């Protein structure tokens, strides 16, 4: 049996090649993927949606000979957030936890970087949008793998009949099922005129201005459409700008055409508004339409989900991604990465999206035209444009591009919706701006 000696240069080259294989394929089964693994998923609101992720995990575990524990943790009462905080403090718990939108940055010092698996995942599934990068990376390190489960766009859901009758807008023609948008005239000016017309007809748009996520997300997208930022990416205050003044003027006009109690709306209010047949448009994922299929089919068959109106600085839509993150104190990081690669395969993602009835959205550009969105109904094609298949709008998050830990405070304090209400209710524009500037100064100091 002959032996071949390697010189230093050959040894380094061989080691580099072996390392490359390990990086691009960390999920090859072996001793590293044995033992136990636990994962905490968000508990899905869609009946049966959890079954898909459970089956995929068990399928992987059987192949890799891993003893897996799967938990589904509800967001009702913020139980998932309480669990994240408890595990972070104890430095013990699940190996993998499904982090909501802002929580990767909140726990950045306790999360295992996943760059080694994100490279191959992106290569297979396509690039992710800038909002996913903004929320999921820090100093070039990925803090989690984008999870399709729970991720959503909160775009317009319009009543086909009411928009056509009262606003003269055919939303099906503007956003045709199976084809690209024809939405050049779908602007913030058109939106205001439609809101006024539907208000006069007694079916006003159901757009909340409360302090919960649905309300904040809508305001954030309109702020983006006007180029309005409260704090820029470098942490500079940018409240007192013409762009912020313009969006507040827009909202003052809009609020006059909305239901009088929108300042007190929560995330359920706009859903109830649509399902009860009271309004012509809301901003929401397809959850309201899905409930209407069961409780008010005559409403559901008139619903059409489509893109946001474009403002002076472009067309933006609120995107709220989830992430599957590995705790740095996980006892089985190689197996955790192996599972996340399996969950991120196109076939796995399609299975989870189908189980949610099209509610869940992949973050990857190659996975925006799955057949599930074209097939859902009634009416057929109603959510075809929900995943923005032609990428005609920028998927954004309210309060960005401020540094994420500052933006998170702007978001959860609902600073943008409060500004809109204060000005619409009679406070002077400059006083509203000074109040918001003071709030943001506090967030920057904390």
Foldseek 3Di string as FASTA:
>chain_A
DDDDDDDPVRVVVVVVVVVLCCLLCLQDADPLQEEEAEEEAAADPFPQLVVLLVVLLVVSCVVNVYHYHYHHFYCVVDRLVVVVVVCLVVVDDGQKYKFWQQVCVVSVVFFDFSVSHVVNLCVQQPDFAPSCCQRQDDPRTGQFAWALVPKFWFFKKFQQVLLCVQLVDRVCQQPPQPDHGVPPVQALVSVLSSQQRQLVVQAHAAAALEQEDSNLQVLQQLLVLLPHAQAALVGHGDLPDPSNVVSLVSLLSNCVSYPVPRHHDYPCRNLCSQLVVRHGMYGGQCPSLVVSVVVPVVSNLRIAGAFHHHHPNGGEIEIIIMGITGTNSNPNVSSVSSSVSSCSPLVSSLSSCVSSQNRGEDRRLNNLQDCSCQQDDNVRNRRNCRSVNVVRHRHHHGNPPYNSQLSVVCSNRSLSSVLSVCVSVPDDNVVSSVVSSVVSVVSSVD
